[in-house]
Amino acid sequence: MAGILVAVFWAILVSFLALVLVRLAQTLKATTKMVAEVSDQAVPLLADASATVRSAHTQLARVDAIAADVQEVTANASALSSTVSSAFGGPLVKVAAFGYGVRRAIGKKGEPEPKRTVVVGRTLPGARRGGRRTRRSKD
């Protein structure tokens, strides 16, 4: 009786192991098929990604060249601006000051001399007499 029980036990155990091995074989076949499909799809994707990276590298090289050119143009414009400012700035300021003085002299030519206010024996400066007009800012 013990021999029959051991034989039945071994038969059940072998059947269980055979079932597990069959399922494992099916799983391995499905995995192999899936890996083959993924590799078939991944190779073209990797080629496209490589081409995209090469194109981006080329575009970055162009942008770098453009940025260097812009920097050079900016430096040239700054140098030109400082040259023009130093060459024409001084004389233009002098001409503007001369024009202002002439206008002021012509404007005061027809006006009578303003009265001087005397306080305790001295004359107040022009700003205190109210002779100058002040500009108000537009806020």
N, C-alpha and C. Protein backbone atom coordinates (compact mmCIF):
# COMPACT_ATOMS: atom_id res chain seq x y z
N MET A 1 0.82 -1.16 0.00
CA MET A 1 0.00 0.00 0.00
C MET A 1 0.89 1.26 0.00
N ALA A 2 1.95 1.26 0.74
CA ALA A 2 2.86 2.40 0.82
C ALA A 2 3.50 2.65 -0.53
N GLY A 3 3.80 1.58 -1.24
CA GLY A 3 4.42 1.72 -2.56
C GLY A 3 3.47 2.38 -3.55
N ILE A 4 2.17 2.01 -3.45
CA ILE A 4 1.17 2.61 -4.35
C ILE A 4 1.02 4.10 -4.03
N LEU A 5 1.00 4.46 -2.76
CA LEU A 5 0.88 5.87 -2.35
C LEU A 5 2.09 6.68 -2.85
N VAL A 6 3.28 6.10 -2.72
CA VAL A 6 4.47 6.80 -3.18
C VAL A 6 4.42 6.95 -4.69
N ALA A 7 3.97 5.89 -5.41
CA ALA A 7 3.88 5.95 -6.87
C ALA A 7 2.86 6.99 -7.31
N VAL A 8 1.70 7.06 -6.64
CA VAL A 8 0.68 8.06 -6.97
C VAL A 8 1.23 9.46 -6.68
N PHE A 9 1.89 9.60 -5.52
CA PHE A 9 2.48 10.89 -5.17
C PHE A 9 3.48 11.33 -6.23
N TRP A 10 4.35 10.40 -6.66
CA TRP A 10 5.34 10.73 -7.67
C TRP A 10 4.66 11.06 -9.00
N ALA A 11 3.60 10.38 -9.33
CA ALA A 11 2.88 10.63 -10.59
C ALA A 11 2.26 12.03 -10.57
N ILE A 12 1.67 12.40 -9.42
CA ILE A 12 1.08 13.75 -9.29
C ILE A 12 2.20 14.80 -9.37
N LEU A 13 3.30 14.54 -8.69
CA LEU A 13 4.42 15.48 -8.68
C LEU A 13 5.00 15.62 -10.09
N VAL A 14 5.19 14.56 -10.81
CA VAL A 14 5.72 14.61 -12.16
C VAL A 14 4.73 15.32 -13.09
N SER A 15 3.43 15.06 -12.92
CA SER A 15 2.42 15.74 -13.73
C SER A 15 2.45 17.25 -13.48
N PHE A 16 2.55 17.61 -12.20
CA PHE A 16 2.62 19.04 -11.85
C PHE A 16 3.86 19.68 -12.45
N LEU A 17 5.00 18.99 -12.33
CA LEU A 17 6.24 19.53 -12.89
C LEU A 17 6.16 19.62 -14.42
N ALA A 18 5.54 18.63 -15.06
CA ALA A 18 5.39 18.67 -16.51
C ALA A 18 4.52 19.86 -16.91
N LEU A 19 3.44 20.10 -16.18
CA LEU A 19 2.55 21.23 -16.46
C LEU A 19 3.32 22.55 -16.31
N VAL A 20 4.12 22.67 -15.25
CA VAL A 20 4.91 23.87 -15.02
C VAL A 20 5.92 24.06 -16.15
N LEU A 21 6.55 22.97 -16.58
CA LEU A 21 7.52 23.07 -17.68
C LEU A 21 6.86 23.45 -18.99
N VAL A 22 5.66 22.95 -19.25
CA VAL A 22 4.94 23.32 -20.48
C VAL A 22 4.59 24.81 -20.45
N ARG A 23 4.09 25.29 -19.31
CA ARG A 23 3.76 26.72 -19.19
C ARG A 23 5.01 27.59 -19.33
N LEU A 24 6.09 27.12 -18.74
CA LEU A 24 7.35 27.87 -18.84
C LEU A 24 7.83 27.92 -20.28
N ALA A 25 7.70 26.84 -21.01
CA ALA A 25 8.10 26.82 -22.42
C ALA A 25 7.24 27.78 -23.23
N GLN A 26 5.92 27.82 -22.95
CA GLN A 26 5.04 28.76 -23.65
C GLN A 26 5.43 30.21 -23.35
N THR A 27 5.73 30.48 -22.10
CA THR A 27 6.13 31.83 -21.70
C THR A 27 7.44 32.22 -22.39
N LEU A 28 8.40 31.31 -22.46
CA LEU A 28 9.67 31.61 -23.12
C LEU A 28 9.47 31.85 -24.61
N LYS A 29 8.59 31.09 -25.25
CA LYS A 29 8.31 31.30 -26.67
C LYS A 29 7.69 32.68 -26.90
N ALA A 30 6.71 33.05 -26.04
CA ALA A 30 6.07 34.36 -26.18
C ALA A 30 7.07 35.49 -25.93
N THR A 31 7.94 35.30 -24.95
CA THR A 31 8.96 36.32 -24.65
C THR A 31 9.93 36.46 -25.82
N THR A 32 10.35 35.34 -26.39
CA THR A 32 11.26 35.39 -27.53
C THR A 32 10.62 36.10 -28.71
N LYS A 33 9.36 35.82 -28.96
CA LYS A 33 8.65 36.47 -30.05
C LYS A 33 8.53 37.99 -29.80
N MET A 34 8.21 38.35 -28.58
CA MET A 34 8.06 39.76 -28.24
C MET A 34 9.40 40.51 -28.36
N VAL A 35 10.49 39.89 -27.91
CA VAL A 35 11.81 40.52 -28.01
C VAL A 35 12.20 40.72 -29.47
N ALA A 36 11.88 39.73 -30.31
CA ALA A 36 12.18 39.85 -31.74
C ALA A 36 11.40 41.01 -32.36
N GLU A 37 10.12 41.14 -32.01
CA GLU A 37 9.30 42.25 -32.53
C GLU A 37 9.81 43.60 -32.06
N VAL A 38 10.18 43.67 -30.79
CA VAL A 38 10.69 44.93 -30.24
C VAL A 38 12.01 45.30 -30.92
N SER A 39 12.88 44.35 -31.11
CA SER A 39 14.16 44.67 -31.76
C SER A 39 13.93 45.07 -33.22
N ASP A 40 12.94 44.46 -33.89
CA ASP A 40 12.64 44.86 -35.27
C ASP A 40 12.14 46.29 -35.33
N GLN A 41 11.40 46.73 -34.31
CA GLN A 41 10.89 48.10 -34.29
C GLN A 41 11.91 49.09 -33.73
N ALA A 42 12.78 48.61 -32.85
CA ALA A 42 13.72 49.52 -32.19
C ALA A 42 14.85 49.95 -33.12
N VAL A 43 15.27 49.09 -34.01
CA VAL A 43 16.39 49.43 -34.89
C VAL A 43 16.06 50.64 -35.77
N PRO A 44 14.89 50.69 -36.44
CA PRO A 44 14.59 51.91 -37.21
C PRO A 44 14.41 53.14 -36.32
N LEU A 45 13.84 52.96 -35.14
CA LEU A 45 13.69 54.10 -34.23
C LEU A 45 15.05 54.65 -33.81
N LEU A 46 15.98 53.78 -33.52
CA LEU A 46 17.32 54.23 -33.14
C LEU A 46 18.02 54.92 -34.31
N ALA A 47 17.79 54.43 -35.52
CA ALA A 47 18.38 55.10 -36.69
C ALA A 47 17.79 56.50 -36.86
N ASP A 48 16.47 56.62 -36.68
CA ASP A 48 15.84 57.94 -36.77
C ASP A 48 16.34 58.87 -35.67
N ALA A 49 16.49 58.34 -34.46
CA ALA A 49 16.98 59.17 -33.36
C ALA A 49 18.41 59.64 -33.63
N SER A 50 19.22 58.77 -34.18
CA SER A 50 20.60 59.14 -34.51
C SER A 50 20.62 60.23 -35.57
N ALA A 51 19.77 60.11 -36.59
CA ALA A 51 19.70 61.14 -37.63
C ALA A 51 19.23 62.47 -37.04
N THR A 52 18.27 62.41 -36.13
CA THR A 52 17.77 63.64 -35.49
C THR A 52 18.86 64.31 -34.66
N VAL A 53 19.63 63.51 -33.93
CA VAL A 53 20.71 64.08 -33.12
C VAL A 53 21.77 64.71 -34.02
N ARG A 54 22.10 64.07 -35.14
CA ARG A 54 23.06 64.66 -36.07
C ARG A 54 22.55 65.98 -36.63
N SER A 55 21.27 66.03 -36.98
CA SER A 55 20.67 67.26 -37.51
C SER A 55 20.68 68.37 -36.45
N ALA A 56 20.36 68.01 -35.21
CA ALA A 56 20.38 69.00 -34.13
C ALA A 56 21.80 69.53 -33.91
N HIS A 57 22.78 68.66 -34.01
CA HIS A 57 24.17 69.09 -33.86
C HIS A 57 24.55 70.08 -34.96
N THR A 58 24.13 69.81 -36.18
CA THR A 58 24.40 70.72 -37.29
C THR A 58 23.74 72.07 -37.06
N GLN A 59 22.48 72.06 -36.62
CA GLN A 59 21.77 73.31 -36.37
C GLN A 59 22.42 74.09 -35.23
N LEU A 60 22.87 73.40 -34.19
CA LEU A 60 23.55 74.08 -33.08
C LEU A 60 24.85 74.72 -33.55
N ALA A 61 25.55 74.07 -34.45
CA ALA A 61 26.78 74.66 -34.99
C ALA A 61 26.46 75.94 -35.76
N ARG A 62 25.36 75.92 -36.53
CA ARG A 62 24.94 77.12 -37.26
C ARG A 62 24.56 78.24 -36.30
N VAL A 63 23.80 77.90 -35.26
CA VAL A 63 23.38 78.91 -34.28
C VAL A 63 24.60 79.49 -33.57
N ASP A 64 25.59 78.65 -33.29
CA ASP A 64 26.81 79.14 -32.65
C ASP A 64 27.53 80.13 -33.55
N ALA A 65 27.58 79.84 -34.84
CA ALA A 65 28.22 80.77 -35.78
C ALA A 65 27.44 82.08 -35.86
N ILE A 66 26.12 81.99 -35.87
CA ILE A 66 25.30 83.20 -35.92
C ILE A 66 25.50 84.03 -34.66
N ALA A 67 25.54 83.36 -33.50
CA ALA A 67 25.74 84.08 -32.23
C ALA A 67 27.10 84.78 -32.22
N ALA A 68 28.12 84.14 -32.76
CA ALA A 68 29.45 84.77 -32.82
C ALA A 68 29.41 86.00 -33.72
N ASP A 69 28.70 85.90 -34.86
CA ASP A 69 28.57 87.05 -35.76
C ASP A 69 27.82 88.20 -35.09
N VAL A 70 26.76 87.88 -34.38
CA VAL A 70 25.99 88.92 -33.67
C VAL A 70 26.85 89.59 -32.61
N GLN A 71 27.66 88.81 -31.92
CA GLN A 71 28.54 89.40 -30.91
C GLN A 71 29.54 90.35 -31.56
N GLU A 72 30.07 89.97 -32.70
CA GLU A 72 31.02 90.83 -33.41
C GLU A 72 30.34 92.12 -33.88
N VAL A 73 29.12 92.00 -34.42
CA VAL A 73 28.38 93.19 -34.87
C VAL A 73 28.09 94.10 -33.68
N THR A 74 27.72 93.53 -32.55
CA THR A 74 27.45 94.33 -31.35
C THR A 74 28.70 95.07 -30.90
N ALA A 75 29.84 94.40 -30.92
CA ALA A 75 31.10 95.07 -30.54
C ALA A 75 31.42 96.19 -31.51
N ASN A 76 31.21 95.96 -32.81
CA ASN A 76 31.47 97.01 -33.80
C ASN A 76 30.53 98.20 -33.62
N ALA A 77 29.26 97.92 -33.34
CA ALA A 77 28.30 99.01 -33.12
C ALA A 77 28.66 99.81 -31.88
N SER A 78 29.11 99.14 -30.84
CA SER A 78 29.52 99.84 -29.62
C SER A 78 30.73 100.73 -29.89
N ALA A 79 31.69 100.21 -30.65
CA ALA A 79 32.88 101.01 -30.98
C ALA A 79 32.50 102.20 -31.84
N LEU A 80 31.61 101.99 -32.81
CA LEU A 80 31.16 103.09 -33.67
C LEU A 80 30.42 104.15 -32.85
N SER A 81 29.58 103.71 -31.93
CA SER A 81 28.83 104.64 -31.10
C SER A 81 29.77 105.50 -30.25
N SER A 82 30.77 104.85 -29.64
CA SER A 82 31.70 105.64 -28.82
C SER A 82 32.54 106.58 -29.68
N THR A 83 32.89 106.17 -30.90
CA THR A 83 33.65 107.05 -31.80
C THR A 83 32.82 108.26 -32.21
N VAL A 84 31.57 108.01 -32.60
CA VAL A 84 30.70 109.12 -33.00
C VAL A 84 30.45 110.05 -31.82
N SER A 85 30.25 109.47 -30.65
CA SER A 85 30.01 110.29 -29.45
C SER A 85 31.21 111.16 -29.14
N SER A 86 32.40 110.59 -29.23
CA SER A 86 33.59 111.40 -28.90
C SER A 86 33.89 112.42 -30.00
N ALA A 87 33.57 112.10 -31.26
CA ALA A 87 33.88 113.02 -32.36
C ALA A 87 32.89 114.18 -32.44
N PHE A 88 31.61 113.87 -32.28
CA PHE A 88 30.58 114.89 -32.46
C PHE A 88 29.94 115.37 -31.16
N GLY A 89 30.12 114.64 -30.09
CA GLY A 89 29.46 114.99 -28.83
C GLY A 89 29.88 116.34 -28.28
N GLY A 90 31.17 116.57 -28.18
CA GLY A 90 31.66 117.84 -27.64
C GLY A 90 31.23 119.03 -28.46
N PRO A 91 31.46 119.04 -29.77
CA PRO A 91 31.05 120.19 -30.57
C PRO A 91 29.54 120.40 -30.57
N LEU A 92 28.76 119.34 -30.59
CA LEU A 92 27.31 119.50 -30.58
C LEU A 92 26.83 120.12 -29.27
N VAL A 93 27.45 119.73 -28.16
CA VAL A 93 27.08 120.32 -26.87
C VAL A 93 27.42 121.81 -26.87
N LYS A 94 28.56 122.15 -27.44
CA LYS A 94 28.95 123.56 -27.49
C LYS A 94 28.00 124.37 -28.37
N VAL A 95 27.61 123.82 -29.51
CA VAL A 95 26.67 124.52 -30.40
C VAL A 95 25.33 124.68 -29.71
N ALA A 96 24.86 123.63 -29.01
CA ALA A 96 23.58 123.72 -28.31
C ALA A 96 23.64 124.76 -27.20
N ALA A 97 24.74 124.80 -26.46
CA ALA A 97 24.88 125.80 -25.40
C ALA A 97 24.92 127.21 -25.99
N PHE A 98 25.62 127.37 -27.10
CA PHE A 98 25.67 128.68 -27.74
C PHE A 98 24.28 129.09 -28.21
N GLY A 99 23.55 128.17 -28.83
CA GLY A 99 22.18 128.47 -29.28
C GLY A 99 21.28 128.84 -28.12
N TYR A 100 21.42 128.14 -27.02
CA TYR A 100 20.62 128.46 -25.83
C TYR A 100 20.96 129.85 -25.32
N GLY A 101 22.23 130.16 -25.28
CA GLY A 101 22.64 131.50 -24.81
C GLY A 101 22.12 132.60 -25.72
N VAL A 102 22.17 132.34 -27.04
CA VAL A 102 21.68 133.35 -27.99
C VAL A 102 20.18 133.55 -27.81
N ARG A 103 19.43 132.45 -27.68
CA ARG A 103 17.98 132.57 -27.49
C ARG A 103 17.65 133.31 -26.20
N ARG A 104 18.37 133.01 -25.18
CA ARG A 104 18.11 133.66 -23.90
C ARG A 104 18.44 135.15 -23.98
N ALA A 105 19.52 135.47 -24.67
CA ALA A 105 19.91 136.88 -24.80
C ALA A 105 18.89 137.63 -25.63
N ILE A 106 18.40 136.99 -26.70
CA ILE A 106 17.40 137.65 -27.54
C ILE A 106 16.09 137.78 -26.77
N GLY A 107 15.75 136.79 -25.99
CA GLY A 107 14.51 136.84 -25.22
C GLY A 107 14.54 137.91 -24.14
N LYS A 108 15.67 138.17 -23.55
CA LYS A 108 15.76 139.17 -22.47
C LYS A 108 16.03 140.57 -23.01
N LYS A 109 16.28 140.68 -24.29
CA LYS A 109 16.60 141.98 -24.86
C LYS A 109 15.47 142.97 -24.69
N GLY A 110 14.23 142.54 -24.90
CA GLY A 110 13.10 143.45 -24.81
C GLY A 110 12.51 143.55 -23.41
N GLU A 111 12.90 142.72 -22.49
CA GLU A 111 12.32 142.74 -21.14
C GLU A 111 13.03 143.78 -20.28
N PRO A 112 12.23 144.41 -19.39
CA PRO A 112 12.89 145.34 -18.46
C PRO A 112 13.67 144.56 -17.41
N GLU A 113 14.63 145.22 -16.83
CA GLU A 113 15.46 144.61 -15.78
C GLU A 113 14.58 144.33 -14.56
N PRO A 114 14.62 143.09 -14.02
CA PRO A 114 13.78 142.80 -12.85
C PRO A 114 14.29 143.54 -11.61
N LYS A 115 13.33 143.85 -10.71
CA LYS A 115 13.70 144.54 -9.48
C LYS A 115 14.47 143.60 -8.58
N ARG A 116 15.43 144.16 -7.92
CA ARG A 116 16.20 143.36 -6.98
C ARG A 116 15.62 143.59 -5.59
N THR A 117 15.42 142.47 -4.90
CA THR A 117 14.86 142.55 -3.56
C THR A 117 16.00 142.62 -2.57
N VAL A 118 15.95 143.61 -1.70
CA VAL A 118 17.02 143.77 -0.72
C VAL A 118 16.48 143.37 0.63
N VAL A 119 17.20 142.46 1.28
CA VAL A 119 16.82 142.02 2.63
C VAL A 119 18.04 142.23 3.50
N VAL A 120 17.90 143.04 4.48
CA VAL A 120 18.93 143.35 5.45
C VAL A 120 20.26 143.63 4.76
N GLY A 121 20.20 144.47 3.80
CA GLY A 121 21.42 144.95 3.18
C GLY A 121 22.03 144.03 2.14
N ARG A 122 21.36 142.98 1.71
CA ARG A 122 21.96 142.15 0.66
C ARG A 122 20.91 141.74 -0.36
N THR A 123 21.36 141.35 -1.52
CA THR A 123 20.47 140.99 -2.62
C THR A 123 20.28 139.47 -2.64
N LEU A 124 19.04 139.05 -2.82
CA LEU A 124 18.76 137.61 -2.90
C LEU A 124 19.16 137.08 -4.27
N PRO A 125 19.59 135.83 -4.34
CA PRO A 125 19.92 135.24 -5.65
C PRO A 125 18.68 135.16 -6.52
N GLY A 126 18.89 134.98 -7.81
CA GLY A 126 17.80 134.97 -8.78
C GLY A 126 16.78 133.87 -8.50
N ALA A 127 17.18 132.74 -8.01
CA ALA A 127 16.24 131.64 -7.77
C ALA A 127 15.24 132.01 -6.68
N ARG A 128 15.61 132.83 -5.74
CA ARG A 128 14.70 133.20 -4.66
C ARG A 128 13.77 134.34 -5.06
N ARG A 129 14.15 135.09 -6.06
CA ARG A 129 13.32 136.20 -6.50
C ARG A 129 12.15 135.69 -7.34
N GLY A 130 12.23 134.48 -7.84
CA GLY A 130 11.15 133.96 -8.67
C GLY A 130 11.37 134.26 -10.13
N GLY A 131 12.57 134.61 -10.53
CA GLY A 131 12.86 134.94 -11.92
C GLY A 131 12.91 133.69 -12.81
N ARG A 132 13.24 132.56 -12.25
CA ARG A 132 13.34 131.34 -13.05
C ARG A 132 12.05 130.54 -12.95
N ARG A 133 11.75 129.87 -14.02
CA ARG A 133 10.58 129.00 -14.01
C ARG A 133 11.04 127.56 -13.77
N THR A 134 10.26 126.83 -13.01
CA THR A 134 10.61 125.45 -12.75
C THR A 134 9.74 124.53 -13.59
N ARG A 135 10.31 123.46 -14.06
CA ARG A 135 9.55 122.50 -14.85
C ARG A 135 8.89 121.48 -13.93
N ARG A 136 7.68 121.17 -14.25
CA ARG A 136 6.97 120.15 -13.46
C ARG A 136 6.94 118.86 -14.28
N SER A 137 7.20 117.77 -13.60
CA SER A 137 7.19 116.49 -14.32
C SER A 137 5.76 116.03 -14.54
N LYS A 138 5.55 115.33 -15.65
CA LYS A 138 4.22 114.83 -16.00
C LYS A 138 4.09 113.43 -15.46
N ASP A 139 3.43 113.27 -14.35
CA ASP A 139 3.25 111.95 -13.73
C ASP A 139 1.87 111.44 -13.96
